[in-house]
């Protein structure tokens, strides 16, 4: 955000007001505006900081920060995550931790065709929407999470033939 535009507006308004006082007042206004430029900018920065604090109070747990880079203010907004009231679909892959990045997040991307049944596609779209992600981002995170966890094992435990025909399965199911 360029504060110079606002400081110049104050300078012009002061010059217009000084014209009513005659040539001496105009000369005084011109002499005062240059040294007061930094004061104007600090006052604007203070106003922006206070506004960001008020917005942060209303946005909690999100936040808005004013950052000064190269003499120019910018805003850093942290949007609060919204928990859905009732999640209609529980994803089959546990959601990754917020600071988890997909494997090779810095590398090049590749495209694949992924064919799934319509019902599964709808569930994937619902799960992605519930987390506020695109389907692509959700699938990338789900794949990264699946590759970080140990490979699932499946064993079958059968009772002896005299003890009944009930089978017990243990392992990972999707």
N, C-alpha and C. Protein backbone atom coordinates (compact mmCIF):
# COMPACT_ATOMS: atom_id res chain seq x y z
N UNK A 1 0.85 -1.16 0.00
CA UNK A 1 0.00 0.00 0.00
C UNK A 1 0.90 1.23 0.00
N UNK A 2 0.66 2.10 -0.93
CA UNK A 2 1.47 3.29 -1.08
C UNK A 2 0.88 4.43 -0.24
N UNK A 3 1.55 4.79 0.84
CA UNK A 3 1.07 5.86 1.73
C UNK A 3 1.30 7.24 1.15
N UNK A 4 2.18 7.37 0.17
CA UNK A 4 2.49 8.67 -0.43
C UNK A 4 1.24 9.32 -0.99
N UNK A 5 0.35 8.53 -1.55
CA UNK A 5 -0.89 9.07 -2.10
C UNK A 5 -1.68 9.80 -1.01
N UNK A 6 -1.75 9.23 0.17
CA UNK A 6 -2.51 9.83 1.27
C UNK A 6 -1.78 11.04 1.86
N UNK A 7 -0.47 10.95 1.95
CA UNK A 7 0.31 12.08 2.47
C UNK A 7 0.20 13.26 1.50
N UNK A 8 0.24 12.99 0.20
CA UNK A 8 0.10 14.07 -0.79
C UNK A 8 -1.29 14.71 -0.70
N UNK A 9 -2.31 13.92 -0.40
CA UNK A 9 -3.65 14.48 -0.25
C UNK A 9 -3.70 15.45 0.93
N UNK A 10 -3.07 15.07 2.05
CA UNK A 10 -3.02 15.95 3.23
C UNK A 10 -2.26 17.23 2.88
N UNK A 11 -1.17 17.09 2.14
CA UNK A 11 -0.37 18.25 1.73
C UNK A 11 -1.21 19.22 0.88
N UNK A 12 -1.97 18.66 -0.09
CA UNK A 12 -2.81 19.50 -0.94
C UNK A 12 -3.90 20.20 -0.12
N UNK A 13 -4.52 19.47 0.79
CA UNK A 13 -5.59 20.05 1.62
C UNK A 13 -5.04 21.16 2.52
N UNK A 14 -3.84 20.96 3.04
CA UNK A 14 -3.22 21.99 3.87
C UNK A 14 -2.92 23.24 3.03
N UNK A 15 -2.47 23.04 1.79
CA UNK A 15 -2.17 24.17 0.90
C UNK A 15 -3.45 24.94 0.58
N UNK A 16 -4.54 24.23 0.34
CA UNK A 16 -5.82 24.89 0.05
C UNK A 16 -6.28 25.69 1.26
N UNK A 17 -6.16 25.10 2.47
CA UNK A 17 -6.57 25.81 3.69
C UNK A 17 -5.68 27.02 3.92
N UNK A 18 -4.40 26.92 3.60
CA UNK A 18 -3.47 28.03 3.82
C UNK A 18 -3.75 29.21 2.90
N UNK A 19 -4.30 28.94 1.71
CA UNK A 19 -4.60 30.02 0.77
C UNK A 19 -5.57 31.04 1.37
N UNK A 20 -6.42 30.58 2.27
CA UNK A 20 -7.37 31.50 2.90
C UNK A 20 -6.66 32.48 3.82
N UNK A 21 -5.47 32.15 4.28
CA UNK A 21 -4.72 33.01 5.19
C UNK A 21 -3.76 33.95 4.49
N UNK A 22 -3.68 33.87 3.18
CA UNK A 22 -2.82 34.77 2.45
C UNK A 22 -1.46 34.15 2.13
N UNK A 23 -0.58 34.95 1.49
CA UNK A 23 0.72 34.44 1.03
C UNK A 23 1.64 33.98 2.17
N UNK A 24 1.57 34.63 3.30
CA UNK A 24 2.42 34.21 4.43
C UNK A 24 2.00 32.83 4.93
N UNK A 25 0.71 32.59 4.98
CA UNK A 25 0.20 31.29 5.44
C UNK A 25 0.55 30.19 4.44
N UNK A 26 0.50 30.51 3.14
CA UNK A 26 0.87 29.53 2.11
C UNK A 26 2.34 29.17 2.25
N UNK A 27 3.20 30.17 2.45
CA UNK A 27 4.64 29.91 2.62
C UNK A 27 4.89 29.07 3.86
N UNK A 28 4.19 29.36 4.94
CA UNK A 28 4.34 28.57 6.17
C UNK A 28 3.89 27.12 5.96
N UNK A 29 2.78 26.92 5.28
CA UNK A 29 2.28 25.57 5.01
C UNK A 29 3.28 24.78 4.18
N UNK A 30 3.90 25.41 3.19
CA UNK A 30 4.89 24.74 2.35
C UNK A 30 6.12 24.34 3.17
N UNK A 31 6.53 25.23 4.09
CA UNK A 31 7.70 24.91 4.93
C UNK A 31 7.39 23.79 5.92
N UNK A 32 6.15 23.68 6.37
CA UNK A 32 5.79 22.67 7.37
C UNK A 32 5.50 21.28 6.78
N UNK A 33 5.01 21.22 5.56
CA UNK A 33 4.59 19.92 5.02
C UNK A 33 5.76 18.97 4.79
N UNK A 34 6.89 19.44 4.35
CA UNK A 34 8.03 18.54 4.10
C UNK A 34 8.51 17.87 5.39
N UNK A 35 8.75 18.63 6.48
CA UNK A 35 9.18 17.95 7.70
C UNK A 35 8.09 17.09 8.34
N UNK A 36 6.83 17.38 8.06
CA UNK A 36 5.74 16.62 8.68
C UNK A 36 5.36 15.37 7.89
N UNK A 37 5.98 15.16 6.73
CA UNK A 37 5.63 14.00 5.90
C UNK A 37 5.80 12.69 6.66
N UNK A 38 6.91 12.54 7.36
CA UNK A 38 7.12 11.29 8.11
C UNK A 38 6.13 11.16 9.26
N UNK A 39 5.73 12.27 9.85
CA UNK A 39 4.72 12.25 10.92
C UNK A 39 3.38 11.79 10.37
N UNK A 40 3.03 12.27 9.18
CA UNK A 40 1.79 11.84 8.54
C UNK A 40 1.83 10.33 8.28
N UNK A 41 2.95 9.85 7.76
CA UNK A 41 3.06 8.42 7.46
C UNK A 41 2.97 7.58 8.74
N UNK A 42 3.62 8.02 9.81
CA UNK A 42 3.53 7.29 11.08
C UNK A 42 2.10 7.27 11.62
N UNK A 43 1.40 8.39 11.48
CA UNK A 43 0.01 8.45 11.94
C UNK A 43 -0.85 7.48 11.12
N UNK A 44 -0.61 7.41 9.81
CA UNK A 44 -1.36 6.47 8.97
C UNK A 44 -1.03 5.02 9.35
N UNK A 45 0.24 4.73 9.60
CA UNK A 45 0.63 3.37 10.01
C UNK A 45 -0.02 3.00 11.34
N UNK A 46 -0.08 3.95 12.26
CA UNK A 46 -0.73 3.70 13.54
C UNK A 46 -2.21 3.39 13.34
N UNK A 47 -2.86 4.16 12.47
CA UNK A 47 -4.28 3.91 12.19
C UNK A 47 -4.48 2.53 11.56
N UNK A 48 -3.61 2.16 10.64
CA UNK A 48 -3.71 0.83 10.01
C UNK A 48 -3.49 -0.28 11.03
N UNK A 49 -2.53 -0.09 11.93
CA UNK A 49 -2.26 -1.10 12.96
C UNK A 49 -3.44 -1.26 13.91
N UNK A 50 -4.03 -0.14 14.30
CA UNK A 50 -5.19 -0.22 15.20
C UNK A 50 -6.38 -0.87 14.50
N UNK A 51 -6.57 -0.55 13.23
CA UNK A 51 -7.65 -1.17 12.47
C UNK A 51 -7.42 -2.68 12.36
N UNK A 52 -6.17 -3.09 12.11
CA UNK A 52 -5.85 -4.52 12.03
C UNK A 52 -6.12 -5.21 13.36
N UNK A 53 -5.81 -4.52 14.49
CA UNK A 53 -6.09 -5.10 15.81
C UNK A 53 -7.59 -5.29 16.02
N UNK A 54 -8.38 -4.30 15.62
CA UNK A 54 -9.83 -4.43 15.78
C UNK A 54 -10.39 -5.55 14.92
N UNK A 55 -9.91 -5.65 13.69
CA UNK A 55 -10.36 -6.73 12.80
C UNK A 55 -9.96 -8.08 13.38
N UNK A 56 -8.75 -8.17 13.93
CA UNK A 56 -8.28 -9.42 14.52
C UNK A 56 -9.18 -9.85 15.67
N UNK A 57 -9.64 -8.90 16.48
CA UNK A 57 -10.53 -9.25 17.59
C UNK A 57 -11.83 -9.87 17.07
N UNK A 58 -12.35 -9.34 15.97
CA UNK A 58 -13.58 -9.87 15.40
C UNK A 58 -13.35 -11.15 14.60
N UNK A 59 -12.13 -11.35 14.13
CA UNK A 59 -11.82 -12.48 13.27
C UNK A 59 -11.27 -13.67 14.04
N UNK A 60 -11.00 -13.51 15.34
CA UNK A 60 -10.38 -14.56 16.13
C UNK A 60 -11.09 -15.89 15.90
N UNK A 61 -10.34 -16.96 15.71
CA UNK A 61 -8.92 -17.15 15.93
C UNK A 61 -8.04 -16.72 14.75
N UNK A 62 -8.62 -16.14 13.70
CA UNK A 62 -7.81 -15.62 12.61
C UNK A 62 -7.16 -14.31 13.03
N UNK A 63 -6.35 -13.74 12.14
CA UNK A 63 -5.69 -12.48 12.49
C UNK A 63 -5.32 -11.69 11.26
N UNK A 64 -5.11 -10.39 11.48
CA UNK A 64 -4.62 -9.49 10.44
C UNK A 64 -3.43 -8.75 11.03
N UNK A 65 -2.33 -8.74 10.32
CA UNK A 65 -1.13 -8.04 10.78
C UNK A 65 -0.72 -7.02 9.73
N UNK A 66 -0.19 -5.89 10.19
CA UNK A 66 0.37 -4.89 9.29
C UNK A 66 1.88 -5.09 9.33
N UNK A 67 2.46 -5.27 8.16
CA UNK A 67 3.92 -5.46 8.06
C UNK A 67 4.50 -4.35 7.21
N UNK A 68 5.65 -3.86 7.62
CA UNK A 68 6.31 -2.77 6.91
C UNK A 68 7.51 -3.33 6.17
N UNK A 69 7.48 -3.22 4.85
CA UNK A 69 8.59 -3.69 4.01
C UNK A 69 8.96 -2.60 3.03
N UNK A 70 10.20 -2.20 3.08
CA UNK A 70 10.66 -1.17 2.16
C UNK A 70 9.93 0.14 2.34
N UNK A 71 9.50 0.43 3.56
CA UNK A 71 8.80 1.67 3.83
C UNK A 71 7.32 1.63 3.47
N UNK A 72 6.84 0.52 2.94
CA UNK A 72 5.45 0.41 2.54
C UNK A 72 4.76 -0.66 3.38
N UNK A 73 3.57 -0.34 3.91
CA UNK A 73 2.84 -1.34 4.70
C UNK A 73 2.15 -2.37 3.80
N UNK A 74 2.02 -3.58 4.32
CA UNK A 74 1.25 -4.63 3.65
C UNK A 74 0.52 -5.39 4.74
N UNK A 75 -0.47 -6.15 4.34
CA UNK A 75 -1.27 -6.89 5.31
C UNK A 75 -1.00 -8.38 5.18
N UNK A 76 -0.92 -9.05 6.32
CA UNK A 76 -0.81 -10.50 6.37
C UNK A 76 -2.07 -11.00 7.08
N UNK A 77 -2.87 -11.75 6.36
CA UNK A 77 -4.14 -12.23 6.89
C UNK A 77 -4.04 -13.73 7.14
N UNK A 78 -4.38 -14.13 8.35
CA UNK A 78 -4.48 -15.55 8.69
C UNK A 78 -5.96 -15.85 8.87
N UNK A 79 -6.50 -16.63 7.94
CA UNK A 79 -7.92 -16.93 7.95
C UNK A 79 -8.18 -18.08 8.92
N UNK A 80 -9.20 -17.95 9.77
CA UNK A 80 -9.51 -19.04 10.68
C UNK A 80 -10.08 -20.22 9.90
N UNK A 81 -9.75 -21.42 10.35
CA UNK A 81 -10.32 -22.61 9.73
C UNK A 81 -11.72 -22.81 10.28
N UNK A 82 -12.64 -23.10 9.41
CA UNK A 82 -14.02 -23.29 9.81
C UNK A 82 -14.31 -24.77 9.86
N UNK A 83 -14.73 -25.22 11.02
CA UNK A 83 -15.12 -26.61 11.19
C UNK A 83 -16.54 -26.77 10.68
N UNK A 84 -16.81 -27.74 9.82
CA UNK A 84 -18.18 -27.94 9.37
C UNK A 84 -19.06 -28.39 10.53
N UNK A 85 -20.33 -27.93 10.53
CA UNK A 85 -21.25 -28.27 11.61
C UNK A 85 -21.44 -29.77 11.73
N UNK A 86 -21.67 -30.41 10.63
CA UNK A 86 -21.81 -31.87 10.62
C UNK A 86 -21.15 -32.36 9.35
N UNK A 87 -20.07 -33.08 9.49
CA UNK A 87 -19.36 -33.57 8.32
C UNK A 87 -20.15 -34.73 7.72
N UNK A 88 -20.67 -34.56 6.50
CA UNK A 88 -21.47 -35.61 5.91
C UNK A 88 -20.65 -36.82 5.48
N UNK A 89 -19.39 -36.59 5.16
CA UNK A 89 -18.56 -37.69 4.69
C UNK A 89 -17.26 -37.70 5.48
N UNK A 90 -16.94 -38.83 6.06
CA UNK A 90 -15.66 -38.96 6.75
C UNK A 90 -14.66 -39.52 5.76
N UNK A 91 -13.59 -38.80 5.47
CA UNK A 91 -12.61 -39.30 4.52
C UNK A 91 -11.97 -40.59 5.03
N UNK A 92 -11.66 -41.47 4.09
CA UNK A 92 -11.08 -42.75 4.47
C UNK A 92 -9.62 -42.62 4.86
N UNK A 93 -8.99 -41.52 4.48
CA UNK A 93 -7.61 -41.26 4.85
C UNK A 93 -7.63 -40.17 5.90
N UNK A 94 -6.95 -40.38 7.00
CA UNK A 94 -6.92 -39.37 8.06
C UNK A 94 -6.34 -38.09 7.50
N UNK A 95 -6.93 -36.92 7.82
CA UNK A 95 -6.40 -35.67 7.29
C UNK A 95 -5.00 -35.43 7.83
N UNK A 96 -4.13 -34.88 7.00
CA UNK A 96 -2.76 -34.63 7.44
C UNK A 96 -2.72 -33.51 8.45
N UNK A 97 -1.63 -33.46 9.19
CA UNK A 97 -1.42 -32.37 10.12
C UNK A 97 -1.30 -31.08 9.31
N UNK A 98 -1.70 -29.92 9.87
CA UNK A 98 -1.68 -28.67 9.12
C UNK A 98 -0.32 -28.30 8.57
N UNK A 99 0.76 -28.68 9.26
CA UNK A 99 2.07 -28.29 8.77
C UNK A 99 2.68 -29.34 7.84
N UNK A 100 1.96 -30.45 7.59
CA UNK A 100 2.46 -31.45 6.66
C UNK A 100 2.38 -30.89 5.25
N UNK A 101 3.43 -31.03 4.51
CA UNK A 101 3.44 -30.65 3.11
C UNK A 101 3.47 -31.91 2.28
N UNK A 102 2.87 -31.87 1.09
CA UNK A 102 2.95 -33.04 0.24
C UNK A 102 4.40 -33.39 -0.06
N UNK A 103 4.64 -34.66 -0.31
CA UNK A 103 5.98 -35.07 -0.69
C UNK A 103 6.39 -34.29 -1.93
N UNK A 104 7.61 -33.86 -1.98
CA UNK A 104 8.16 -33.15 -3.13
C UNK A 104 7.34 -31.90 -3.46
N UNK A 105 6.93 -31.16 -2.43
CA UNK A 105 6.10 -29.97 -2.64
C UNK A 105 6.83 -28.91 -3.46
N UNK A 106 8.15 -28.90 -3.41
CA UNK A 106 8.91 -27.89 -4.13
C UNK A 106 9.24 -28.32 -5.55
N UNK A 107 9.04 -29.58 -5.89
CA UNK A 107 9.45 -30.09 -7.19
C UNK A 107 8.43 -29.81 -8.28
N UNK A 108 8.73 -30.32 -9.45
CA UNK A 108 7.85 -30.16 -10.60
C UNK A 108 6.59 -30.99 -10.40
N UNK A 109 5.53 -30.60 -11.07
CA UNK A 109 4.28 -31.34 -10.97
C UNK A 109 4.12 -32.23 -12.19
N UNK A 110 3.31 -33.25 -12.04
CA UNK A 110 3.04 -34.17 -13.14
C UNK A 110 1.54 -34.40 -13.19
N UNK A 111 1.05 -34.75 -14.32
CA UNK A 111 -0.39 -34.98 -14.50
C UNK A 111 -0.64 -36.47 -14.67
N UNK A 112 -1.71 -36.95 -14.02
CA UNK A 112 -2.13 -38.34 -14.20
C UNK A 112 -3.63 -38.36 -14.42
N UNK A 113 -4.10 -39.37 -15.13
CA UNK A 113 -5.54 -39.61 -15.23
C UNK A 113 -5.91 -40.56 -14.11
N UNK A 114 -6.97 -40.24 -13.44
CA UNK A 114 -7.38 -41.03 -12.27
C UNK A 114 -8.86 -41.33 -12.44
N UNK A 115 -9.18 -42.57 -12.74
CA UNK A 115 -10.58 -42.94 -12.95
C UNK A 115 -11.12 -43.60 -11.70
N UNK A 116 -12.24 -43.08 -11.22
CA UNK A 116 -12.88 -43.62 -10.03
C UNK A 116 -14.37 -43.74 -10.28
N UNK A 117 -15.03 -44.61 -9.55
CA UNK A 117 -16.49 -44.69 -9.67
C UNK A 117 -17.14 -43.37 -9.27
N UNK A 118 -18.30 -43.06 -9.85
CA UNK A 118 -19.00 -41.80 -9.58
C UNK A 118 -19.23 -41.59 -8.09
N UNK A 119 -19.62 -42.64 -7.37
CA UNK A 119 -19.90 -42.49 -5.94
C UNK A 119 -18.64 -42.09 -5.18
N UNK A 120 -17.51 -42.68 -5.52
CA UNK A 120 -16.26 -42.33 -4.86
C UNK A 120 -15.85 -40.91 -5.22
N UNK A 121 -16.05 -40.54 -6.47
CA UNK A 121 -15.73 -39.17 -6.90
C UNK A 121 -16.54 -38.17 -6.08
N UNK A 122 -17.82 -38.43 -5.88
CA UNK A 122 -18.66 -37.53 -5.10
C UNK A 122 -18.17 -37.45 -3.65
N UNK A 123 -17.76 -38.57 -3.08
CA UNK A 123 -17.26 -38.57 -1.70
C UNK A 123 -15.95 -37.78 -1.60
N UNK A 124 -15.09 -37.91 -2.61
CA UNK A 124 -13.82 -37.17 -2.63
C UNK A 124 -14.11 -35.67 -2.70
N UNK A 125 -15.05 -35.27 -3.56
CA UNK A 125 -15.40 -33.86 -3.69
C UNK A 125 -15.97 -33.32 -2.38
N UNK A 126 -16.82 -34.11 -1.72
CA UNK A 126 -17.40 -33.68 -0.43
C UNK A 126 -16.32 -33.53 0.63
N UNK A 127 -15.40 -34.49 0.69
CA UNK A 127 -14.33 -34.44 1.70
C UNK A 127 -13.42 -33.25 1.44
N UNK A 128 -13.10 -32.98 0.18
CA UNK A 128 -12.25 -31.83 -0.16
C UNK A 128 -12.96 -30.53 0.22
N UNK A 129 -14.24 -30.43 -0.09
CA UNK A 129 -15.00 -29.22 0.24
C UNK A 129 -15.08 -29.03 1.75
N UNK A 130 -15.23 -30.13 2.49
CA UNK A 130 -15.31 -30.03 3.95
C UNK A 130 -14.02 -29.49 4.55
N UNK A 131 -12.89 -29.73 3.89
CA UNK A 131 -11.61 -29.23 4.37
C UNK A 131 -11.23 -27.91 3.71
N UNK A 132 -12.09 -27.41 2.81
CA UNK A 132 -11.80 -26.15 2.14
C UNK A 132 -10.67 -26.26 1.14
N UNK A 133 -10.53 -27.40 0.52
CA UNK A 133 -9.45 -27.63 -0.45
C UNK A 133 -10.03 -27.98 -1.81
N UNK A 134 -9.23 -27.82 -2.84
CA UNK A 134 -9.62 -28.31 -4.15
C UNK A 134 -9.47 -29.83 -4.15
N UNK A 135 -10.13 -30.48 -5.10
CA UNK A 135 -10.01 -31.94 -5.19
C UNK A 135 -8.56 -32.32 -5.43
N UNK A 136 -7.87 -31.57 -6.29
CA UNK A 136 -6.47 -31.87 -6.56
C UNK A 136 -5.62 -31.76 -5.30
N UNK A 137 -5.80 -30.68 -4.52
CA UNK A 137 -5.03 -30.50 -3.29
C UNK A 137 -5.37 -31.60 -2.28
N UNK A 138 -6.65 -31.96 -2.19
CA UNK A 138 -7.07 -32.99 -1.25
C UNK A 138 -6.45 -34.34 -1.63
N UNK A 139 -6.51 -34.69 -2.92
CA UNK A 139 -5.93 -35.96 -3.37
C UNK A 139 -4.42 -35.98 -3.18
N UNK A 140 -3.76 -34.86 -3.42
CA UNK A 140 -2.31 -34.79 -3.23
C UNK A 140 -1.95 -35.02 -1.77
N UNK A 141 -2.68 -34.38 -0.86
CA UNK A 141 -2.42 -34.58 0.57
C UNK A 141 -2.76 -36.00 0.99
N UNK A 142 -3.86 -36.54 0.49
CA UNK A 142 -4.25 -37.91 0.85
C UNK A 142 -3.18 -38.90 0.39
N UNK A 143 -2.68 -38.71 -0.82
CA UNK A 143 -1.64 -39.61 -1.33
C UNK A 143 -0.35 -39.45 -0.52
N UNK A 144 0.02 -38.22 -0.20
CA UNK A 144 1.23 -37.99 0.60
C UNK A 144 1.11 -38.63 1.97
N UNK A 145 -0.06 -38.50 2.58
CA UNK A 145 -0.29 -39.09 3.90
C UNK A 145 -0.23 -40.62 3.81
N UNK A 146 -0.85 -41.17 2.79
CA UNK A 146 -0.84 -42.63 2.62
C UNK A 146 0.57 -43.16 2.42
N UNK A 147 1.41 -42.39 1.74
CA UNK A 147 2.78 -42.84 1.49
C UNK A 147 3.68 -42.67 2.71
N UNK A 148 3.30 -41.80 3.64
CA UNK A 148 4.09 -41.63 4.87
C UNK A 148 3.80 -42.72 5.89
N UNK A 149 2.61 -43.29 5.86
CA UNK A 149 2.25 -44.31 6.85
C UNK A 149 2.79 -45.65 6.41
N UNK A 150 3.05 -46.57 7.37
CA UNK A 150 3.54 -47.88 7.00
C UNK A 150 2.52 -48.61 6.14
N UNK A 151 3.00 -49.48 5.30
CA UNK A 151 2.12 -50.25 4.42
C UNK A 151 1.15 -51.07 5.26
N UNK A 152 -0.13 -51.07 4.88
CA UNK A 152 -1.10 -51.84 5.65
C UNK A 152 -0.85 -53.34 5.51
N UNK A 153 -1.15 -54.03 6.58
CA UNK A 153 -1.02 -55.48 6.56
C UNK A 153 -2.38 -56.08 6.78
N UNK A 154 -2.63 -57.20 6.20
CA UNK A 154 -3.90 -57.87 6.37
C UNK A 154 -3.63 -59.32 6.70
N UNK A 155 -4.17 -59.77 7.81
CA UNK A 155 -4.02 -61.16 8.18
C UNK A 155 -5.39 -61.74 8.44
N UNK A 156 -5.53 -63.01 8.20
CA UNK A 156 -6.79 -63.69 8.43
C UNK A 156 -6.61 -64.65 9.58
N UNK A 157 -7.51 -64.55 10.54
CA UNK A 157 -7.47 -65.44 11.70
C UNK A 157 -8.72 -66.32 11.64
N UNK A 158 -8.54 -67.57 11.33
CA UNK A 158 -9.67 -68.47 11.24
C UNK A 158 -9.69 -69.40 12.45
N UNK A 159 -10.89 -69.61 12.98
CA UNK A 159 -11.02 -70.53 14.09
C UNK A 159 -10.94 -71.95 13.57
N UNK A 160 -10.57 -72.84 14.42
CA UNK A 160 -10.56 -74.24 13.99
C UNK A 160 -11.94 -74.65 13.51
N UNK A 161 -11.97 -75.62 12.62
CA UNK A 161 -13.23 -76.03 12.01
C UNK A 161 -14.28 -76.45 13.03
N UNK A 162 -13.89 -76.95 14.16
CA UNK A 162 -14.86 -77.35 15.18
C UNK A 162 -15.40 -76.16 15.95
N UNK A 163 -14.74 -75.00 15.93
CA UNK A 163 -15.13 -73.85 16.72
C UNK A 163 -16.06 -72.90 15.99
N UNK A 164 -16.48 -73.18 14.79
CA UNK A 164 -17.37 -72.30 14.05
C UNK A 164 -16.69 -71.78 12.80
N UNK A 165 -17.45 -71.06 12.02
CA UNK A 165 -16.91 -70.60 10.74
C UNK A 165 -16.65 -69.09 10.72
N UNK A 166 -16.66 -68.44 11.88
CA UNK A 166 -16.44 -67.00 11.93
C UNK A 166 -14.99 -66.68 11.61
N UNK A 167 -14.80 -65.70 10.72
CA UNK A 167 -13.45 -65.26 10.36
C UNK A 167 -13.24 -63.86 10.91
N UNK A 168 -12.06 -63.57 11.38
CA UNK A 168 -11.69 -62.26 11.88
C UNK A 168 -10.59 -61.69 11.00
N UNK A 169 -10.77 -60.46 10.60
CA UNK A 169 -9.79 -59.79 9.79
C UNK A 169 -9.23 -58.59 10.57
N UNK A 170 -7.96 -58.43 10.46
CA UNK A 170 -7.33 -57.24 11.05
C UNK A 170 -6.52 -56.58 9.96
N UNK A 171 -6.39 -55.29 10.07
CA UNK A 171 -5.58 -54.57 9.08
C UNK A 171 -6.24 -53.28 8.67
N UNK A 172 -5.79 -52.71 7.60
CA UNK A 172 -6.22 -51.41 7.13
C UNK A 172 -7.26 -51.59 6.04
N UNK A 173 -8.37 -50.88 6.14
CA UNK A 173 -9.44 -50.98 5.17
C UNK A 173 -9.76 -49.60 4.66
N UNK A 174 -10.00 -49.50 3.39
CA UNK A 174 -10.40 -48.19 2.85
C UNK A 174 -11.78 -48.25 2.30
